[in-house]
Amino acid sequence: MASSRKFWLGMVFGALAGGAISLLDRETRQGVKGDFKKASSTVTYIAKHPNEFIEEVQDTVNKVRSTVEQVTEDVAFITEKVEEIKDVPPQVAEMVQESKEAFSHLTTEKAKV
């Protein structure tokens, strides 16, 4: 267990060192600074207007739920149609056999006449 802990600790320190080295580039620093400002302003807005955030989350959840329900209905419909199509070949074969027998019967009757 201790060696596993050392591994993860090394991963964290490696990530921190890599992040620090990447910040030596001016464009990267500016990009990170801009991202941080956007994230902090979003968090601040959510903290000041929690009800709006909750409503937006609920709206999104309702849209996802509605979409899932619609997809479920569509899949059920398609499954039903596939099952109907599976039944068609035996019915077609039966109709062909009946037609063959009917033509055979007609041919036999014409030959007698």
PDB file of N, CA and C in Angstrom:
ATOM      1  N   MET A   1       0.821  -1.189   0.000  1.00  0.00           N
ATOM      2  CA  MET A   1       0.000   0.000   0.000  1.00  0.00           C
ATOM      3  C   MET A   1       0.864   1.252   0.000  1.00  0.00           C
ATOM      4  N   ALA A   2       1.991   1.202   0.693  1.00  0.00           N
ATOM      5  CA  ALA A   2       2.869   2.366   0.778  1.00  0.00           C
ATOM      6  C   ALA A   2       3.453   2.710  -0.585  1.00  0.00           C
ATOM      7  N   SER A   3       3.804   1.689  -1.396  1.00  0.00           N
ATOM      8  CA  SER A   3       4.366   1.975  -2.712  1.00  0.00           C
ATOM      9  C   SER A   3       3.317   2.596  -3.632  1.00  0.00           C
ATOM     10  N   SER A   4       2.084   2.198  -3.459  1.00  0.00           N
ATOM     11  CA  SER A   4       1.000   2.790  -4.241  1.00  0.00           C
ATOM     12  C   SER A   4       0.842   4.266  -3.868  1.00  0.00           C
ATOM     13  N   ARG A   5       0.949   4.561  -2.593  1.00  0.00           N
ATOM     14  CA  ARG A   5       0.829   5.944  -2.137  1.00  0.00           C
ATOM     15  C   ARG A   5       1.962   6.795  -2.710  1.00  0.00           C
ATOM     16  N   LYS A   6       3.155   6.241  -2.734  1.00  0.00           N
ATOM     17  CA  LYS A   6       4.309   6.955  -3.289  1.00  0.00           C
ATOM     18  C   LYS A   6       4.086   7.253  -4.771  1.00  0.00           C
ATOM     19  N   PHE A   7       3.502   6.265  -5.465  1.00  0.00           N
ATOM     20  CA  PHE A   7       3.224   6.456  -6.897  1.00  0.00           C
ATOM     21  C   PHE A   7       2.293   7.643  -7.111  1.00  0.00           C
ATOM     22  N   TRP A   8       1.162   7.663  -6.391  1.00  0.00           N
ATOM     23  CA  TRP A   8       0.176   8.724  -6.576  1.00  0.00           C
ATOM     24  C   TRP A   8       0.721  10.074  -6.126  1.00  0.00           C
ATOM     25  N   LEU A   9       1.516  10.074  -5.077  1.00  0.00           N
ATOM     26  CA  LEU A   9       2.146  11.303  -4.629  1.00  0.00           C
ATOM     27  C   LEU A   9       3.109  11.822  -5.701  1.00  0.00           C
ATOM     28  N   GLY A  10       3.857  10.902  -6.312  1.00  0.00           N
ATOM     29  CA  GLY A  10       4.751  11.281  -7.407  1.00  0.00           C
ATOM     30  C   GLY A  10       3.984  11.822  -8.596  1.00  0.00           C
ATOM     31  N   MET A  11       2.823  11.228  -8.890  1.00  0.00           N
ATOM     32  CA  MET A  11       1.982  11.712  -9.991  1.00  0.00           C
ATOM     33  C   MET A  11       1.520  13.149  -9.728  1.00  0.00           C
ATOM     34  N   VAL A  12       1.095  13.416  -8.494  1.00  0.00           N
ATOM     35  CA  VAL A  12       0.615  14.760  -8.151  1.00  0.00           C
ATOM     36  C   VAL A  12       1.753  15.766  -8.286  1.00  0.00           C
ATOM     37  N   PHE A  13       2.913  15.436  -7.703  1.00  0.00           N
ATOM     38  CA  PHE A  13       4.049  16.369  -7.785  1.00  0.00           C
ATOM     39  C   PHE A  13       4.512  16.555  -9.230  1.00  0.00           C
ATOM     40  N   GLY A  14       4.465  15.481 -10.008  1.00  0.00           N
ATOM     41  CA  GLY A  14       4.835  15.587 -11.426  1.00  0.00           C
ATOM     42  C   GLY A  14       3.880  16.490 -12.183  1.00  0.00           C
ATOM     43  N   ALA A  15       2.597  16.347 -11.894  1.00  0.00           N
ATOM     44  CA  ALA A  15       1.601  17.200 -12.547  1.00  0.00           C
ATOM     45  C   ALA A  15       1.793  18.661 -12.148  1.00  0.00           C
ATOM     46  N   LEU A  16       2.057  18.886 -10.874  1.00  0.00           N
ATOM     47  CA  LEU A  16       2.293  20.263 -10.414  1.00  0.00           C
ATOM     48  C   LEU A  16       3.538  20.857 -11.063  1.00  0.00           C
ATOM     49  N   ALA A  17       4.594  20.049 -11.144  1.00  0.00           N
ATOM     50  CA  ALA A  17       5.832  20.538 -11.771  1.00  0.00           C
ATOM     51  C   ALA A  17       5.593  20.822 -13.250  1.00  0.00           C
ATOM     52  N   GLY A  18       4.873  19.941 -13.934  1.00  0.00           N
ATOM     53  CA  GLY A  18       4.572  20.159 -15.351  1.00  0.00           C
ATOM     54  C   GLY A  18       3.732  21.397 -15.559  1.00  0.00           C
ATOM     55  N   GLY A  19       2.752  21.602 -14.679  1.00  0.00           N
ATOM     56  CA  GLY A  19       1.925  22.802 -14.772  1.00  0.00           C
ATOM     57  C   GLY A  19       2.731  24.064 -14.546  1.00  0.00           C
ATOM     58  N   ALA A  20       3.614  24.019 -13.553  1.00  0.00           N
ATOM     59  CA  ALA A  20       4.449  25.189 -13.258  1.00  0.00           C
ATOM     60  C   ALA A  20       5.375  25.499 -14.428  1.00  0.00           C
ATOM     61  N   ILE A  21       5.963  24.486 -15.027  1.00  0.00           N
ATOM     62  CA  ILE A  21       6.864  24.696 -16.167  1.00  0.00           C
ATOM     63  C   ILE A  21       6.099  25.277 -17.353  1.00  0.00           C
ATOM     64  N   SER A  22       4.873  24.781 -17.567  1.00  0.00           N
ATOM     65  CA  SER A  22       4.100  25.288 -18.710  1.00  0.00           C
ATOM     66  C   SER A  22       3.737  26.757 -18.530  1.00  0.00           C
ATOM     67  N   LEU A  23       3.676  27.224 -17.300  1.00  0.00           N
ATOM     68  CA  LEU A  23       3.341  28.626 -17.041  1.00  0.00           C
ATOM     69  C   LEU A  23       4.492  29.575 -17.369  1.00  0.00           C
ATOM     70  N   LEU A  24       5.645  29.045 -17.720  1.00  0.00           N
ATOM     71  CA  LEU A  24       6.748  29.909 -18.137  1.00  0.00           C
ATOM     72  C   LEU A  24       6.438  30.584 -19.472  1.00  0.00           C
ATOM     73  N   ASP A  25       5.537  29.974 -20.255  1.00  0.00           N
ATOM     74  CA  ASP A  25       5.122  30.545 -21.536  1.00  0.00           C
ATOM     75  C   ASP A  25       4.066  31.624 -21.287  1.00  0.00           C
ATOM     76  N   ARG A  26       4.279  32.814 -21.863  1.00  0.00           N
ATOM     77  CA  ARG A  26       3.391  33.962 -21.632  1.00  0.00           C
ATOM     78  C   ARG A  26       1.956  33.673 -22.112  1.00  0.00           C
ATOM     79  N   GLU A  27       1.796  33.087 -23.305  1.00  0.00           N
ATOM     80  CA  GLU A  27       0.451  32.810 -23.831  1.00  0.00           C
ATOM     81  C   GLU A  27      -0.288  31.835 -22.928  1.00  0.00           C
ATOM     82  N   THR A  28       0.422  30.855 -22.422  1.00  0.00           N
ATOM     83  CA  THR A  28      -0.208  29.880 -21.520  1.00  0.00           C
ATOM     84  C   THR A  28      -0.664  30.568 -20.236  1.00  0.00           C
ATOM     85  N   ARG A  29       0.193  31.424 -19.679  1.00  0.00           N
ATOM     86  CA  ARG A  29      -0.183  32.159 -18.461  1.00  0.00           C
ATOM     87  C   ARG A  29      -1.436  32.993 -18.696  1.00  0.00           C
ATOM     88  N   GLN A  30      -1.474  33.706 -19.834  1.00  0.00           N
ATOM     89  CA  GLN A  30      -2.629  34.552 -20.137  1.00  0.00           C
ATOM     90  C   GLN A  30      -3.894  33.712 -20.320  1.00  0.00           C
ATOM     91  N   GLY A  31      -3.746  32.574 -20.981  1.00  0.00           N
ATOM     92  CA  GLY A  31      -4.898  31.690 -21.172  1.00  0.00           C
ATOM     93  C   GLY A  31      -5.429  31.151 -19.853  1.00  0.00           C
ATOM     94  N   VAL A  32      -4.513  30.726 -18.987  1.00  0.00           N
ATOM     95  CA  VAL A  32      -4.914  30.210 -17.668  1.00  0.00           C
ATOM     96  C   VAL A  32      -5.558  31.323 -16.846  1.00  0.00           C
ATOM     97  N   LYS A  33      -4.994  32.511 -16.921  1.00  0.00           N
ATOM     98  CA  LYS A  33      -5.540  33.654 -16.189  1.00  0.00           C
ATOM     99  C   LYS A  33      -6.973  33.949 -16.662  1.00  0.00           C
ATOM    100  N   GLY A  34      -7.176  33.937 -17.984  1.00  0.00           N
ATOM    101  CA  GLY A  34      -8.519  34.173 -18.534  1.00  0.00           C
ATOM    102  C   GLY A  34      -9.493  33.089 -18.109  1.00  0.00           C
ATOM    103  N   ASP A  35      -9.054  31.832 -18.172  1.00  0.00           N
ATOM    104  CA  ASP A  35      -9.921  30.725 -17.748  1.00  0.00           C
ATOM    105  C   ASP A  35     -10.279  30.846 -16.268  1.00  0.00           C
ATOM    106  N   PHE A  36      -9.302  31.217 -15.463  1.00  0.00           N
ATOM    107  CA  PHE A  36      -9.542  31.373 -14.028  1.00  0.00           C
ATOM    108  C   PHE A  36     -10.555  32.488 -13.772  1.00  0.00           C
ATOM    109  N   LYS A  37     -10.434  33.599 -14.506  1.00  0.00           N
ATOM    110  CA  LYS A  37     -11.386  34.708 -14.337  1.00  0.00           C
ATOM    111  C   LYS A  37     -12.799  34.267 -14.711  1.00  0.00           C
ATOM    112  N   LYS A  38     -12.918  33.545 -15.819  1.00  0.00           N
ATOM    113  CA  LYS A  38     -14.244  33.064 -16.236  1.00  0.00           C
ATOM    114  C   LYS A  38     -14.837  32.137 -15.190  1.00  0.00           C
ATOM    115  N   ALA A  39     -14.027  31.192 -14.714  1.00  0.00           N
ATOM    116  CA  ALA A  39     -14.510  30.237 -13.720  1.00  0.00           C
ATOM    117  C   ALA A  39     -14.894  30.928 -12.424  1.00  0.00           C
ATOM    118  N   SER A  40     -14.074  31.864 -11.977  1.00  0.00           N
ATOM    119  CA  SER A  40     -14.384  32.545 -10.716  1.00  0.00           C
ATOM    120  C   SER A  40     -15.617  33.424 -10.854  1.00  0.00           C
ATOM    121  N   SER A  41     -15.807  34.071 -12.007  1.00  0.00           N
ATOM    122  CA  SER A  41     -17.012  34.898 -12.179  1.00  0.00           C
ATOM    123  C   SER A  41     -18.257  34.016 -12.240  1.00  0.00           C
ATOM    124  N   THR A  42     -18.138  32.835 -12.844  1.00  0.00           N
ATOM    125  CA  THR A  42     -19.270  31.908 -12.886  1.00  0.00           C
ATOM    126  C   THR A  42     -19.620  31.428 -11.486  1.00  0.00           C
ATOM    127  N   VAL A  43     -18.618  31.055 -10.714  1.00  0.00           N
ATOM    128  CA  VAL A  43     -18.858  30.604  -9.334  1.00  0.00           C
ATOM    129  C   VAL A  43     -19.472  31.729  -8.508  1.00  0.00           C
ATOM    130  N   THR A  44     -18.983  32.937  -8.677  1.00  0.00           N
ATOM    131  CA  THR A  44     -19.525  34.091  -7.949  1.00  0.00           C
ATOM    132  C   THR A  44     -20.983  34.310  -8.319  1.00  0.00           C
ATOM    133  N   TYR A  45     -21.300  34.238  -9.612  1.00  0.00           N
ATOM    134  CA  TYR A  45     -22.681  34.429 -10.060  1.00  0.00           C
ATOM    135  C   TYR A  45     -23.589  33.357  -9.472  1.00  0.00           C
ATOM    136  N   ILE A  46     -23.117  32.113  -9.486  1.00  0.00           N
ATOM    137  CA  ILE A  46     -23.926  31.018  -8.939  1.00  0.00           C
ATOM    138  C   ILE A  46     -24.139  31.223  -7.443  1.00  0.00           C
ATOM    139  N   ALA A  47     -23.106  31.678  -6.742  1.00  0.00           N
ATOM    140  CA  ALA A  47     -23.234  31.912  -5.302  1.00  0.00           C
ATOM    141  C   ALA A  47     -24.241  33.023  -5.004  1.00  0.00           C
ATOM    142  N   LYS A  48     -24.283  34.039  -5.867  1.00  0.00           N
ATOM    143  CA  LYS A  48     -25.208  35.160  -5.649  1.00  0.00           C
ATOM    144  C   LYS A  48     -26.626  34.845  -6.136  1.00  0.00           C
ATOM    145  N   HIS A  49     -26.757  33.944  -7.118  1.00  0.00           N
ATOM    146  CA  HIS A  49     -28.062  33.616  -7.706  1.00  0.00           C
ATOM    147  C   HIS A  49     -28.269  32.096  -7.730  1.00  0.00           C
ATOM    148  N   PRO A  50     -28.334  31.477  -6.564  1.00  0.00           N
ATOM    149  CA  PRO A  50     -28.446  30.018  -6.549  1.00  0.00           C
ATOM    150  C   PRO A  50     -29.767  29.502  -7.140  1.00  0.00           C
ATOM    151  N   ASN A  51     -30.843  30.267  -6.988  1.00  0.00           N
ATOM    152  CA  ASN A  51     -32.140  29.815  -7.507  1.00  0.00           C
ATOM    153  C   ASN A  51     -32.126  29.723  -9.030  1.00  0.00           C
ATOM    154  N   GLU A  52     -31.499  30.699  -9.678  1.00  0.00           N
ATOM    155  CA  GLU A  52     -31.403  30.651 -11.140  1.00  0.00           C
ATOM    156  C   GLU A  52     -30.617  29.427 -11.582  1.00  0.00           C
ATOM    157  N   PHE A  53     -29.527  29.166 -10.886  1.00  0.00           N
ATOM    158  CA  PHE A  53     -28.700  28.010 -11.214  1.00  0.00           C
ATOM    159  C   PHE A  53     -29.491  26.717 -11.029  1.00  0.00           C
ATOM    160  N   ILE A  54     -30.233  26.625  -9.937  1.00  0.00           N
ATOM    161  CA  ILE A  54     -31.040  25.433  -9.672  1.00  0.00           C
ATOM    162  C   ILE A  54     -32.093  25.264 -10.758  1.00  0.00           C
ATOM    163  N   GLU A  55     -32.743  26.354 -11.167  1.00  0.00           N
ATOM    164  CA  GLU A  55     -33.750  26.285 -12.236  1.00  0.00           C
ATOM    165  C   GLU A  55     -33.129  25.811 -13.551  1.00  0.00           C
ATOM    166  N   GLU A  56     -31.944  26.333 -13.868  1.00  0.00           N
ATOM    167  CA  GLU A  56     -31.263  25.916 -15.100  1.00  0.00           C
ATOM    168  C   GLU A  56     -30.916  24.432 -15.054  1.00  0.00           C
ATOM    169  N   VAL A  57     -30.442  23.973 -13.901  1.00  0.00           N
ATOM    170  CA  VAL A  57     -30.111  22.554 -13.754  1.00  0.00           C
ATOM    171  C   VAL A  57     -31.378  21.712 -13.888  1.00  0.00           C
ATOM    172  N   GLN A  58     -32.465  22.144 -13.260  1.00  0.00           N
ATOM    173  CA  GLN A  58     -33.725  21.406 -13.355  1.00  0.00           C
ATOM    174  C   GLN A  58     -34.242  21.379 -14.792  1.00  0.00           C
ATOM    175  N   ASP A  59     -34.144  22.502 -15.496  1.00  0.00           N
ATOM    176  CA  ASP A  59     -34.559  22.545 -16.899  1.00  0.00           C
ATOM    177  C   ASP A  59     -33.737  21.559 -17.729  1.00  0.00           C
ATOM    178  N   THR A  60     -32.439  21.556 -17.490  1.00  0.00           N
ATOM    179  CA  THR A  60     -31.570  20.641 -18.228  1.00  0.00           C
ATOM    180  C   THR A  60     -31.924  19.197 -17.911  1.00  0.00           C
ATOM    181  N   VAL A  61     -32.156  18.897 -16.646  1.00  0.00           N
ATOM    182  CA  VAL A  61     -32.536  17.536 -16.247  1.00  0.00           C
ATOM    183  C   VAL A  61     -33.849  17.141 -16.912  1.00  0.00           C
ATOM    184  N   ASN A  62     -34.815  18.054 -16.942  1.00  0.00           N
ATOM    185  CA  ASN A  62     -36.106  17.760 -17.584  1.00  0.00           C
ATOM    186  C   ASN A  62     -35.944  17.517 -19.073  1.00  0.00           C
ATOM    187  N   LYS A  63     -35.077  18.307 -19.732  1.00  0.00           N
ATOM    188  CA  LYS A  63     -34.838  18.099 -21.168  1.00  0.00           C
ATOM    189  C   LYS A  63     -34.190  16.750 -21.416  1.00  0.00           C
ATOM    190  N   VAL A  64     -33.228  16.400 -20.579  1.00  0.00           N
ATOM    191  CA  VAL A  64     -32.565  15.100 -20.729  1.00  0.00           C
ATOM    192  C   VAL A  64     -33.569  13.977 -20.489  1.00  0.00           C
ATOM    193  N   ARG A  65     -34.373  14.113 -19.454  1.00  0.00           N
ATOM    194  CA  ARG A  65     -35.384  13.085 -19.148  1.00  0.00           C
ATOM    195  C   ARG A  65     -36.356  12.930 -20.321  1.00  0.00           C
ATOM    196  N   SER A  66     -36.809  14.054 -20.865  1.00  0.00           N
ATOM    197  CA  SER A  66     -37.735  14.017 -21.998  1.00  0.00           C
ATOM    198  C   SER A  66     -37.095  13.335 -23.204  1.00  0.00           C
ATOM    199  N   THR A  67     -35.836  13.671 -23.455  1.00  0.00           N
ATOM    200  CA  THR A  67     -35.130  13.058 -24.578  1.00  0.00           C
ATOM    201  C   THR A  67     -34.976  11.560 -24.375  1.00  0.00           C
ATOM    202  N   VAL A  68     -34.640  11.151 -23.165  1.00  0.00           N
ATOM    203  CA  VAL A  68     -34.491   9.719 -22.871  1.00  0.00           C
ATOM    204  C   VAL A  68     -35.826   9.004 -23.048  1.00  0.00           C
ATOM    205  N   GLU A  69     -36.898   9.607 -22.587  1.00  0.00           N
ATOM    206  CA  GLU A  69     -38.226   9.002 -22.753  1.00  0.00           C
ATOM    207  C   GLU A  69     -38.573   8.865 -24.232  1.00  0.00           C
ATOM    208  N   GLN A  70     -38.291   9.902 -25.023  1.00  0.00           N
ATOM    209  CA  GLN A  70     -38.590   9.853 -26.447  1.00  0.00           C
ATOM    210  C   GLN A  70     -37.773   8.776 -27.138  1.00  0.00           C
ATOM    211  N   VAL A  71     -36.492   8.696 -26.787  1.00  0.00           N
ATOM    212  CA  VAL A  71     -35.632   7.669 -27.389  1.00  0.00           C
ATOM    213  C   VAL A  71     -36.127   6.284 -26.989  1.00  0.00           C
ATOM    214  N   THR A  72     -36.548   6.119 -25.747  1.00  0.00           N
ATOM    215  CA  THR A  72     -37.066   4.833 -25.284  1.00  0.00           C
ATOM    216  C   THR A  72     -38.312   4.445 -26.077  1.00  0.00           C
ATOM    217  N   GLU A  73     -39.204   5.410 -26.282  1.00  0.00           N
ATOM    218  CA  GLU A  73     -40.412   5.148 -27.076  1.00  0.00           C
ATOM    219  C   GLU A  73     -40.040   4.780 -28.517  1.00  0.00           C
ATOM    220  N   ASP A  74     -39.085   5.498 -29.087  1.00  0.00           N
ATOM    221  CA  ASP A  74     -38.656   5.221 -30.457  1.00  0.00           C
ATOM    222  C   ASP A  74     -38.052   3.826 -30.573  1.00  0.00           C
ATOM    223  N   VAL A  75     -37.236   3.452 -29.595  1.00  0.00           N
ATOM    224  CA  VAL A  75     -36.621   2.122 -29.617  1.00  0.00           C
ATOM    225  C   VAL A  75     -37.694   1.049 -29.483  1.00  0.00           C
ATOM    226  N   ALA A  76     -38.681   1.275 -28.627  1.00  0.00           N
ATOM    227  CA  ALA A  76     -39.772   0.313 -28.468  1.00  0.00           C
ATOM    228  C   ALA A  76     -40.550   0.176 -29.778  1.00  0.00           C
ATOM    229  N   PHE A  77     -40.815   1.294 -30.442  1.00  0.00           N
ATOM    230  CA  PHE A  77     -41.536   1.260 -31.716  1.00  0.00           C
ATOM    231  C   PHE A  77     -40.743   0.484 -32.768  1.00  0.00           C
ATOM    232  N   ILE A  78     -39.448   0.792 -32.854  1.00  0.00           N
ATOM    233  CA  ILE A  78     -38.598   0.112 -33.839  1.00  0.00           C
ATOM    234  C   ILE A  78     -38.534  -1.383 -33.534  1.00  0.00           C
ATOM    235  N   THR A  79     -38.411  -1.737 -32.264  1.00  0.00           N
ATOM    236  CA  THR A  79     -38.372  -3.146 -31.879  1.00  0.00           C
ATOM    237  C   THR A  79     -39.662  -3.849 -32.283  1.00  0.00           C
ATOM    238  N   GLU A  80     -40.775  -3.173 -32.081  1.00  0.00           N
ATOM    239  CA  GLU A  80     -42.070  -3.744 -32.462  1.00  0.00           C
ATOM    240  C   GLU A  80     -42.132  -3.978 -33.971  1.00  0.00           C
ATOM    241  N   LYS A  81     -41.667  -2.995 -34.742  1.00  0.00           N
ATOM    242  CA  LYS A  81     -41.692  -3.141 -36.200  1.00  0.00           C
ATOM    243  C   LYS A  81     -40.755  -4.257 -36.658  1.00  0.00           C
ATOM    244  N   VAL A  82     -39.605  -4.391 -36.011  1.00  0.00           N
ATOM    245  CA  VAL A  82     -38.682  -5.470 -36.365  1.00  0.00           C
ATOM    246  C   VAL A  82     -39.330  -6.817 -36.106  1.00  0.00           C
ATOM    247  N   GLU A  83     -40.028  -6.930 -34.987  1.00  0.00           N
ATOM    248  CA  GLU A  83     -40.720  -8.189 -34.683  1.00  0.00           C
ATOM    249  C   GLU A  83     -41.797  -8.481 -35.730  1.00  0.00           C
ATOM    250  N   GLU A  84     -42.506  -7.430 -36.174  1.00  0.00           N
ATOM    251  CA  GLU A  84     -43.514  -7.618 -37.219  1.00  0.00           C
ATOM    252  C   GLU A  84     -42.865  -8.081 -38.519  1.00  0.00           C
ATOM    253  N   ILE A  85     -41.726  -7.501 -38.846  1.00  0.00           N
ATOM    254  CA  ILE A  85     -41.019  -7.871 -40.074  1.00  0.00           C
ATOM    255  C   ILE A  85     -40.526  -9.308 -39.991  1.00  0.00           C
ATOM    256  N   LYS A  86     -40.134  -9.749 -38.797  1.00  0.00           N
ATOM    257  CA  LYS A  86     -39.685 -11.134 -38.636  1.00  0.00           C
ATOM    258  C   LYS A  86     -40.809 -12.106 -38.961  1.00  0.00           C
ATOM    259  N   ASP A  87     -42.061 -11.713 -38.686  1.00  0.00           N
ATOM    260  CA  ASP A  87     -43.207 -12.583 -38.948  1.00  0.00           C
ATOM    261  C   ASP A  87     -43.593 -12.604 -40.415  1.00  0.00           C
ATOM    262  N   VAL A  88     -43.161 -11.622 -41.201  1.00  0.00           N
ATOM    263  CA  VAL A  88     -43.569 -11.515 -42.606  1.00  0.00           C
ATOM    264  C   VAL A  88     -43.050 -12.677 -43.463  1.00  0.00           C
ATOM    265  N   PRO A  89     -41.789 -13.074 -43.407  1.00  0.00           N
ATOM    266  CA  PRO A  89     -41.314 -14.152 -44.282  1.00  0.00           C
ATOM    267  C   PRO A  89     -42.112 -15.450 -44.175  1.00  0.00           C
ATOM    268  N   PRO A  90     -42.487 -15.937 -42.985  1.00  0.00           N
ATOM    269  CA  PRO A  90     -43.308 -17.146 -42.960  1.00  0.00           C
ATOM    270  C   PRO A  90     -44.669 -16.934 -43.628  1.00  0.00           C
ATOM    271  N   GLN A  91     -45.236 -15.731 -43.440  1.00  0.00           N
ATOM    272  CA  GLN A  91     -46.527 -15.451 -44.070  1.00  0.00           C
ATOM    273  C   GLN A  91     -46.378 -15.415 -45.592  1.00  0.00           C
ATOM    274  N   VAL A  92     -45.298 -14.806 -46.067  1.00  0.00           N
ATOM    275  CA  VAL A  92     -45.061 -14.736 -47.512  1.00  0.00           C
ATOM    276  C   VAL A  92     -44.847 -16.144 -48.066  1.00  0.00           C
ATOM    277  N   ALA A  93     -44.084 -16.945 -47.372  1.00  0.00           N
ATOM    278  CA  ALA A  93     -43.837 -18.320 -47.821  1.00  0.00           C
ATOM    279  C   ALA A  93     -45.149 -19.092 -47.887  1.00  0.00           C
ATOM    280  N   GLU A  94     -45.998 -18.894 -46.907  1.00  0.00           N
ATOM    281  CA  GLU A  94     -47.295 -19.566 -46.891  1.00  0.00           C
ATOM    282  C   GLU A  94     -48.146 -19.106 -48.070  1.00  0.00           C
ATOM    283  N   MET A  95     -48.137 -17.796 -48.367  1.00  0.00           N
ATOM    284  CA  MET A  95     -48.914 -17.275 -49.499  1.00  0.00           C
ATOM    285  C   MET A  95     -48.377 -17.832 -50.818  1.00  0.00           C
ATOM    286  N   VAL A  96     -47.061 -17.922 -50.944  1.00  0.00           N
ATOM    287  CA  VAL A  96     -46.467 -18.469 -52.165  1.00  0.00           C
ATOM    288  C   VAL A  96     -46.872 -19.929 -52.326  1.00  0.00           C
ATOM    289  N   GLN A  97     -46.833 -20.681 -51.235  1.00  0.00           N
ATOM    290  CA  GLN A  97     -47.220 -22.094 -51.295  1.00  0.00           C
ATOM    291  C   GLN A  97     -48.683 -22.228 -51.689  1.00  0.00           C
ATOM    292  N   GLU A  98     -49.547 -21.401 -51.114  1.00  0.00           N
ATOM    293  CA  GLU A  98     -50.968 -21.445 -51.455  1.00  0.00           C
ATOM    294  C   GLU A  98     -51.174 -21.082 -52.923  1.00  0.00           C
ATOM    295  N   SER A  99     -50.451 -20.049 -53.391  1.00  0.00           N
ATOM    296  CA  SER A  99     -50.572 -19.648 -54.797  1.00  0.00           C
ATOM    297  C   SER A  99     -50.094 -20.776 -55.706  1.00  0.00           C
ATOM    298  N   LYS A 100     -48.993 -21.399 -55.345  1.00  0.00           N
ATOM    299  CA  LYS A 100     -48.452 -22.507 -56.134  1.00  0.00           C
ATOM    300  C   LYS A 100     -49.470 -23.638 -56.209  1.00  0.00           C
ATOM    301  N   GLU A 101     -50.080 -23.949 -55.083  1.00  0.00           N
ATOM    302  CA  GLU A 101     -51.093 -25.016 -55.063  1.00  0.00           C
ATOM    303  C   GLU A 101     -52.297 -24.635 -55.903  1.00  0.00           C
ATOM    304  N   ALA A 102     -52.700 -23.353 -55.837  1.00  0.00           N
ATOM    305  CA  ALA A 102     -53.852 -22.909 -56.618  1.00  0.00           C
ATOM    306  C   ALA A 102     -53.545 -22.991 -58.114  1.00  0.00           C
ATOM    307  N   PHE A 103     -52.352 -22.533 -58.529  1.00  0.00           N
ATOM    308  CA  PHE A 103     -51.976 -22.611 -59.943  1.00  0.00           C
ATOM    309  C   PHE A 103     -51.834 -24.064 -60.381  1.00  0.00           C
ATOM    310  N   SER A 104     -51.297 -24.866 -59.494  1.00  0.00           N
ATOM    311  CA  SER A 104     -51.151 -26.284 -59.812  1.00  0.00           C
ATOM    312  C   SER A 104     -52.524 -26.907 -60.008  1.00  0.00           C
ATOM    313  N   HIS A 105     -53.449 -26.532 -59.159  1.00  0.00           N
ATOM    314  CA  HIS A 105     -54.808 -27.051 -59.258  1.00  0.00           C
ATOM    315  C   HIS A 105     -55.462 -26.575 -60.560  1.00  0.00           C
ATOM    316  N   LEU A 106     -55.252 -25.282 -60.928  1.00  0.00           N
ATOM    317  CA  LEU A 106     -55.817 -24.751 -62.174  1.00  0.00           C
ATOM    318  C   LEU A 106     -55.195 -25.446 -63.381  1.00  0.00           C
ATOM    319  N   THR A 107     -53.887 -25.651 -63.327  1.00  0.00           N
ATOM    320  CA  THR A 107     -53.204 -26.305 -64.438  1.00  0.00           C
ATOM    321  C   THR A 107     -53.717 -27.730 -64.604  1.00  0.00           C
ATOM    322  N   THR A 108     -53.948 -28.415 -63.509  1.00  0.00           N
ATOM    323  CA  THR A 108     -54.458 -29.782 -63.559  1.00  0.00           C
ATOM    324  C   THR A 108     -55.866 -29.795 -64.151  1.00  0.00           C
ATOM    325  N   GLU A 109     -56.701 -28.835 -63.776  1.00  0.00           N
ATOM    326  CA  GLU A 109     -58.065 -28.784 -64.294  1.00  0.00           C
ATOM    327  C   GLU A 109     -58.085 -28.452 -65.786  1.00  0.00           C
ATOM    328  N   LYS A 110     -57.191 -27.542 -66.226  1.00  0.00           N
ATOM    329  CA  LYS A 110     -57.129 -27.184 -67.650  1.00  0.00           C
ATOM    330  C   LYS A 110     -56.652 -28.374 -68.471  1.00  0.00           C
ATOM    331  N   ALA A 111     -55.760 -29.142 -67.908  1.00  0.00           N
ATOM    332  CA  ALA A 111     -55.258 -30.309 -68.631  1.00  0.00           C
ATOM    333  C   ALA A 111     -56.350 -31.333 -68.797  1.00  0.00           C
ATOM    334  N   LYS A 112     -57.282 -31.408 -67.871  1.00  0.00           N
ATOM    335  CA  LYS A 112     -58.375 -32.360 -67.965  1.00  0.00           C
ATOM    336  C   LYS A 112     -59.383 -31.924 -69.025  1.00  0.00           C
ATOM    337  N   VAL A 113     -59.482 -30.633 -69.268  1.00  0.00           N
ATOM    338  CA  VAL A 113     -60.485 -30.135 -70.210  1.00  0.00           C
ATOM    339  C   VAL A 113     -60.034 -30.301 -71.601  1.00  0.00           C
TER     340      VAL A 113
END
